Every structure is written in C-alpha cells, then in structure tokens.
C-alpha cells in the first residue's frame, strides 16, 4: 500500500537555510529528509531523546555521587579492608545501580563486580573476615578493571578527529584509484 505524500513550500532566511543544510550535510541527508525527520521526531516525542540521554549521562558522570563512588573504589586499592557503615554501603549500591542507565555496557560490567562484592560484604555475618574482593580478585572476572574505567573517563567527550584537507584529498585519490 502506497502512502499519500504531500509537499510544503516554506520561506526562511538564508541564514536558517544554511544552518539546516549544514546539519543535513553532517548526516549525509537532503534538506527535505532532514526536516522530515525533525518534524516526525517532534510529533512522535522522540526529537530530543538522544540529546536527553547524552545530557543525563554527562550529568551523572559529573555528579558528586559518581565522583564519590569512583574515589571510594580507588581508596580500596590502597586498603581493601571493610570500614563502611551500612548507610555508606547502601549509598554506594544505589549509585552502582544507576550506572546501568548512564554508562556503556563494558563499563557497567566492571561496576557490577563492585556491586556484587558490596552485596556479598553486606550479607557476611563476621566483621573480621569482611574485605573487598573486587580490588584484588582471584580471577580477572572478579577484579575491577581500573584501566578500563580510566581509559573511558579520560576519553569521554573528546572530540572526534576530523581529517585535514590534505587527508581528505589523499582519501579521494585512493577512492578514485579503485
């Protein structure tokens, strides 16, 4: 079944048109397709969904609670002994659960190691045998990968490398040769 299609002509300033064209070019779309997608997203309520997710991720990563969690995890590298109150543990467990909403899966899997260890420590009866295993786990499947977290945080929101004009012309020559 073929959908009915209509066209609309509209007037806009040259400045607005050039901004729309620039955005459409970045997405390798025609101006018409770009505007259609914007309008569809607006009426479907999904226009800013990805932008909201990016903002929420940024807010979480820059939050005091996430920073406190990361600092606490790093202090356990120095001493994995148990010193926290139940309130501290509950607070860290709550923050760790939020990582699934805001961080990529490979980073969440690392935080899950800490979460499982905190749950284990919370359920242990003896105060004397309590200690965290995520720092120096017996296997890499239990051990928190600090390097992975560092790499993610240090590269978070770094701008993508844009090829220079000479690199583009070099790529164009290679494409033409094939």
C-alpha atoms as a PDB file:
ATOM      1  CA  UNK A   1       0.000   0.000   0.000  1.00  0.00           C
ATOM      2  CA  UNK A   2       1.391   3.370  -1.009  1.00  0.00           C
ATOM      3  CA  UNK A   3       1.240   6.272   1.454  1.00  0.00           C
ATOM      4  CA  UNK A   4      -0.075   9.605   0.244  1.00  0.00           C
ATOM      5  CA  UNK A   5       2.629  12.235   0.196  1.00  0.00           C
ATOM      6  CA  UNK A   6       2.214  15.986   0.121  1.00  0.00           C
ATOM      7  CA  UNK A   7       4.728  18.719  -0.308  1.00  0.00           C
ATOM      8  CA  UNK A   8       5.030  22.020   1.511  1.00  0.00           C
ATOM      9  CA  UNK A   9       6.943  25.091   0.412  1.00  0.00           C
ATOM     10  CA  UNK A  10       8.181  27.449   3.060  1.00  0.00           C
ATOM     11  CA  UNK A  11      10.159  30.616   3.231  1.00  0.00           C
ATOM     12  CA  UNK A  12      13.065  31.095   5.587  1.00  0.00           C
ATOM     13  CA  UNK A  13      16.090  33.306   5.972  1.00  0.00           C
ATOM     14  CA  UNK A  14      19.259  32.392   4.121  1.00  0.00           C
ATOM     15  CA  UNK A  15      20.970  32.064   7.495  1.00  0.00           C
ATOM     16  CA  UNK A  16      18.452  29.486   8.729  1.00  0.00           C
ATOM     17  CA  UNK A  17      18.628  27.574   5.454  1.00  0.00           C
ATOM     18  CA  UNK A  18      22.423  27.404   5.637  1.00  0.00           C
ATOM     19  CA  UNK A  19      22.250  26.105   9.225  1.00  0.00           C
ATOM     20  CA  UNK A  20      19.755  23.419   8.206  1.00  0.00           C
ATOM     21  CA  UNK A  21      21.888  22.493   5.185  1.00  0.00           C
ATOM     22  CA  UNK A  22      24.972  22.222   7.381  1.00  0.00           C
ATOM     23  CA  UNK A  23      23.181  19.841   9.787  1.00  0.00           C
ATOM     24  CA  UNK A  24      21.711  17.827   6.901  1.00  0.00           C
ATOM     25  CA  UNK A  25      25.155  17.522   5.291  1.00  0.00           C
ATOM     26  CA  UNK A  26      26.621  16.240   8.547  1.00  0.00           C
ATOM     27  CA  UNK A  27      24.007  13.465   8.496  1.00  0.00           C
ATOM     28  CA  UNK A  28      24.528  12.971   4.750  1.00  0.00           C
ATOM     29  CA  UNK A  29      20.879  13.781   4.099  1.00  0.00           C
ATOM     30  CA  UNK A  30      18.978  16.097   1.849  1.00  0.00           C
ATOM     31  CA  UNK A  31      17.459  19.172   3.449  1.00  0.00           C
ATOM     32  CA  UNK A  32      13.989  17.730   2.845  1.00  0.00           C
ATOM     33  CA  UNK A  33      14.791  14.434   4.540  1.00  0.00           C
ATOM     34  CA  UNK A  34      16.447  16.204   7.476  1.00  0.00           C
ATOM     35  CA  UNK A  35      13.402  18.460   8.028  1.00  0.00           C
ATOM     36  CA  UNK A  36      11.012  15.480   7.651  1.00  0.00           C
ATOM     37  CA  UNK A  37      12.917  13.587  10.353  1.00  0.00           C
ATOM     38  CA  UNK A  38      12.905  16.626  12.651  1.00  0.00           C
ATOM     39  CA  UNK A  39       9.165  17.068  12.260  1.00  0.00           C
ATOM     40  CA  UNK A  40       8.472  13.342  12.694  1.00  0.00           C
ATOM     41  CA  UNK A  41      10.608  13.290  15.828  1.00  0.00           C
ATOM     42  CA  UNK A  42       8.800  16.326  17.168  1.00  0.00           C
ATOM     43  CA  UNK A  43       5.337  14.824  16.701  1.00  0.00           C
ATOM     44  CA  UNK A  44       6.393  11.358  17.927  1.00  0.00           C
ATOM     45  CA  UNK A  45       8.012  12.849  21.024  1.00  0.00           C
ATOM     46  CA  UNK A  46      11.453  11.452  20.180  1.00  0.00           C
ATOM     47  CA  UNK A  47      13.071  14.616  18.824  1.00  0.00           C
ATOM     48  CA  UNK A  48      15.388  15.213  21.742  1.00  0.00           C
ATOM     49  CA  UNK A  49      15.511  11.689  23.197  1.00  0.00           C
ATOM     50  CA  UNK A  50      19.142  11.038  22.231  1.00  0.00           C
ATOM     51  CA  UNK A  51      20.157  14.541  23.305  1.00  0.00           C
ATOM     52  CA  UNK A  52      18.445  13.971  26.677  1.00  0.00           C
ATOM     53  CA  UNK A  53      20.316  10.695  27.110  1.00  0.00           C
ATOM     54  CA  UNK A  54      23.620  12.436  26.379  1.00  0.00           C
ATOM     55  CA  UNK A  55      22.831  15.215  28.874  1.00  0.00           C
ATOM     56  CA  UNK A  56      21.766  12.714  31.552  1.00  0.00           C
ATOM     57  CA  UNK A  57      24.955  10.681  31.029  1.00  0.00           C
ATOM     58  CA  UNK A  58      27.062  13.818  31.317  1.00  0.00           C
ATOM     59  CA  UNK A  59      25.211  14.936  34.458  1.00  0.00           C
ATOM     60  CA  UNK A  60      25.679  11.500  36.052  1.00  0.00           C
ATOM     61  CA  UNK A  61      29.387  11.304  35.233  1.00  0.00           C
ATOM     62  CA  UNK A  62      29.889  14.833  36.573  1.00  0.00           C
ATOM     63  CA  UNK A  63      27.747  14.288  39.675  1.00  0.00           C
ATOM     64  CA  UNK A  64      29.178  14.418  43.177  1.00  0.00           C
ATOM     65  CA  UNK A  65      27.746  10.977  43.961  1.00  0.00           C
ATOM     66  CA  UNK A  66      29.510   9.322  40.992  1.00  0.00           C
ATOM     67  CA  UNK A  67      32.762  11.096  41.842  1.00  0.00           C
ATOM     68  CA  UNK A  68      32.472   9.903  45.455  1.00  0.00           C
ATOM     69  CA  UNK A  69      31.890   6.336  44.250  1.00  0.00           C
ATOM     70  CA  UNK A  70      34.941   6.412  41.984  1.00  0.00           C
ATOM     71  CA  UNK A  71      37.115   7.916  44.736  1.00  0.00           C
ATOM     72  CA  UNK A  72      35.885   5.259  47.187  1.00  0.00           C
ATOM     73  CA  UNK A  73      36.662   2.476  44.692  1.00  0.00           C
ATOM     74  CA  UNK A  74      40.180   3.863  44.238  1.00  0.00           C
ATOM     75  CA  UNK A  75      40.733   4.100  48.010  1.00  0.00           C
ATOM     76  CA  UNK A  76      40.023   0.376  48.179  1.00  0.00           C
ATOM     77  CA  UNK A  77      43.106  -0.136  46.001  1.00  0.00           C
ATOM     78  CA  UNK A  78      45.125   1.170  48.943  1.00  0.00           C
ATOM     79  CA  UNK A  79      43.240  -0.777  51.583  1.00  0.00           C
ATOM     80  CA  UNK A  80      40.549  -3.311  50.795  1.00  0.00           C
ATOM     81  CA  UNK A  81      39.575  -3.598  54.455  1.00  0.00           C
ATOM     82  CA  UNK A  82      35.944  -3.105  55.422  1.00  0.00           C
ATOM     83  CA  UNK A  83      35.302   0.157  57.308  1.00  0.00           C
ATOM     84  CA  UNK A  84      32.000   1.393  55.900  1.00  0.00           C
ATOM     85  CA  UNK A  85      28.693   1.748  57.685  1.00  0.00           C
ATOM     86  CA  UNK A  86      25.562   0.126  56.319  1.00  0.00           C
ATOM     87  CA  UNK A  87      24.403   3.577  55.190  1.00  0.00           C
ATOM     88  CA  UNK A  88      27.641   4.011  53.208  1.00  0.00           C
ATOM     89  CA  UNK A  89      27.155   0.617  51.565  1.00  0.00           C
ATOM     90  CA  UNK A  90      23.520   1.373  50.734  1.00  0.00           C
ATOM     91  CA  UNK A  91      24.540   4.702  49.181  1.00  0.00           C
ATOM     92  CA  UNK A  92      27.221   3.051  47.008  1.00  0.00           C
ATOM     93  CA  UNK A  93      24.840   0.252  45.988  1.00  0.00           C
ATOM     94  CA  UNK A  94      22.289   2.875  44.888  1.00  0.00           C
ATOM     95  CA  UNK A  95      24.871   4.723  42.790  1.00  0.00           C
ATOM     96  CA  UNK A  96      26.156   1.477  41.277  1.00  0.00           C
ATOM     97  CA  UNK A  97      22.631   0.571  40.190  1.00  0.00           C
ATOM     98  CA  UNK A  98      22.371   3.893  38.344  1.00  0.00           C
ATOM     99  CA  UNK A  99      25.403   3.070  36.197  1.00  0.00           C
ATOM    100  CA  UNK A 100      23.262   0.778  34.027  1.00  0.00           C
ATOM    101  CA  UNK A 101      21.209   3.783  32.893  1.00  0.00           C
ATOM    102  CA  UNK A 102      24.106   6.084  32.073  1.00  0.00           C
ATOM    103  CA  UNK A 103      27.255   4.183  31.131  1.00  0.00           C
ATOM    104  CA  UNK A 104      28.221   1.853  28.291  1.00  0.00           C
ATOM    105  CA  UNK A 105      27.805  -1.867  28.878  1.00  0.00           C
ATOM    106  CA  UNK A 106      31.551  -2.669  29.138  1.00  0.00           C
ATOM    107  CA  UNK A 107      31.910  -0.109  31.943  1.00  0.00           C
ATOM    108  CA  UNK A 108      28.694  -1.240  33.665  1.00  0.00           C
ATOM    109  CA  UNK A 109      30.089  -4.795  33.756  1.00  0.00           C
ATOM    110  CA  UNK A 110      33.051  -3.509  35.754  1.00  0.00           C
ATOM    111  CA  UNK A 111      30.809  -1.650  38.199  1.00  0.00           C
ATOM    112  CA  UNK A 112      28.685  -4.803  38.518  1.00  0.00           C
ATOM    113  CA  UNK A 113      31.738  -6.533  40.025  1.00  0.00           C
ATOM    114  CA  UNK A 114      31.809  -3.881  42.749  1.00  0.00           C
ATOM    115  CA  UNK A 115      28.035  -4.121  43.226  1.00  0.00           C
ATOM    116  CA  UNK A 116      28.121  -7.904  43.659  1.00  0.00           C
ATOM    117  CA  UNK A 117      31.014  -7.594  46.088  1.00  0.00           C
ATOM    118  CA  UNK A 118      29.164  -4.974  48.138  1.00  0.00           C
ATOM    119  CA  UNK A 119      26.125  -7.232  48.314  1.00  0.00           C
ATOM    120  CA  UNK A 120      28.373 -10.110  49.420  1.00  0.00           C
ATOM    121  CA  UNK A 121      30.020  -7.966  52.110  1.00  0.00           C
ATOM    122  CA  UNK A 122      26.625  -6.698  53.295  1.00  0.00           C
ATOM    123  CA  UNK A 123      25.402 -10.273  53.774  1.00  0.00           C
ATOM    124  CA  UNK A 124      28.521 -11.544  55.590  1.00  0.00           C
ATOM    125  CA  UNK A 125      27.966 -12.046  59.299  1.00  0.00           C
ATOM    126  CA  UNK A 126      31.504 -11.669  60.636  1.00  0.00           C
ATOM    127  CA  UNK A 127      33.051  -8.203  60.721  1.00  0.00           C
ATOM    128  CA  UNK A 128      36.555  -9.664  60.908  1.00  0.00           C
ATOM    129  CA  UNK A 129      36.534 -11.591  57.639  1.00  0.00           C
ATOM    130  CA  UNK A 130      34.988  -8.761  55.651  1.00  0.00           C
ATOM    131  CA  UNK A 131      37.110  -7.425  52.859  1.00  0.00           C
ATOM    132  CA  UNK A 132      36.553  -6.363  49.292  1.00  0.00           C
ATOM    133  CA  UNK A 133      37.490  -8.787  46.526  1.00  0.00           C
ATOM    134  CA  UNK A 134      36.834  -6.520  43.551  1.00  0.00           C
ATOM    135  CA  UNK A 135      40.216  -4.849  44.100  1.00  0.00           C
ATOM    136  CA  UNK A 136      42.445  -7.924  44.100  1.00  0.00           C
ATOM    137  CA  UNK A 137      40.055 -10.631  42.945  1.00  0.00           C
ATOM    138  CA  UNK A 138      41.317 -14.171  42.471  1.00  0.00           C
ATOM    139  CA  UNK A 139      40.425 -14.014  38.791  1.00  0.00           C
ATOM    140  CA  UNK A 140      40.043 -11.211  36.270  1.00  0.00           C
ATOM    141  CA  UNK A 141      36.323 -11.980  36.196  1.00  0.00           C
ATOM    142  CA  UNK A 142      36.081 -10.759  39.827  1.00  0.00           C
ATOM    143  CA  UNK A 143      38.697  -7.989  39.689  1.00  0.00           C
ATOM    144  CA  UNK A 144      37.639  -4.437  38.825  1.00  0.00           C
ATOM    145  CA  UNK A 145      39.472  -3.224  35.713  1.00  0.00           C
ATOM    146  CA  UNK A 146      40.717   0.197  36.807  1.00  0.00           C
ATOM    147  CA  UNK A 147      42.494   0.769  33.492  1.00  0.00           C
ATOM    148  CA  UNK A 148      39.251   0.318  31.550  1.00  0.00           C
ATOM    149  CA  UNK A 149      37.489   2.915  33.696  1.00  0.00           C
ATOM    150  CA  UNK A 150      40.433   5.315  33.417  1.00  0.00           C
ATOM    151  CA  UNK A 151      40.523   4.964  29.644  1.00  0.00           C
ATOM    152  CA  UNK A 152      36.776   5.598  29.399  1.00  0.00           C
ATOM    153  CA  UNK A 153      36.821   8.653  31.661  1.00  0.00           C
ATOM    154  CA  UNK A 154      39.931  10.163  30.071  1.00  0.00           C
ATOM    155  CA  UNK A 155      38.462   9.794  26.582  1.00  0.00           C
ATOM    156  CA  UNK A 156      34.908  10.784  27.495  1.00  0.00           C
ATOM    157  CA  UNK A 157      33.648  13.561  25.228  1.00  0.00           C
ATOM    158  CA  UNK A 158      36.921  14.063  23.401  1.00  0.00           C
ATOM    159  CA  UNK A 159      36.078  15.488  20.008  1.00  0.00           C
ATOM    160  CA  UNK A 160      36.359  13.116  17.082  1.00  0.00           C
ATOM    161  CA  UNK A 161      39.416  13.650  14.931  1.00  0.00           C
ATOM    162  CA  UNK A 162      38.393  15.454  11.789  1.00  0.00           C
ATOM    163  CA  UNK A 163      40.600  14.717   8.796  1.00  0.00           C
ATOM    164  CA  UNK A 164      42.518  17.665   7.389  1.00  0.00           C
ATOM    165  CA  UNK A 165      42.007  18.834   3.814  1.00  0.00           C
ATOM    166  CA  UNK A 166      45.209  17.082   2.727  1.00  0.00           C
ATOM    167  CA  UNK A 167      43.979  13.825   4.316  1.00  0.00           C
ATOM    168  CA  UNK A 168      40.639  14.185   2.500  1.00  0.00           C
ATOM    169  CA  UNK A 169      42.340  14.768  -0.838  1.00  0.00           C
ATOM    170  CA  UNK A 170      44.573  11.753  -0.199  1.00  0.00           C
ATOM    171  CA  UNK A 171      41.495   9.626   0.555  1.00  0.00           C
ATOM    172  CA  UNK A 172      39.751  10.892  -2.572  1.00  0.00           C
ATOM    173  CA  UNK A 173      42.765   9.900  -4.683  1.00  0.00           C
ATOM    174  CA  UNK A 174      42.727   6.409  -3.178  1.00  0.00           C
ATOM    175  CA  UNK A 175      39.000   6.043  -3.864  1.00  0.00           C
ATOM    176  CA  UNK A 176      39.430   7.186  -7.471  1.00  0.00           C
ATOM    177  CA  UNK A 177      42.230   4.644  -7.999  1.00  0.00           C
ATOM    178  CA  UNK A 178      39.988   1.720  -7.022  1.00  0.00           C
END
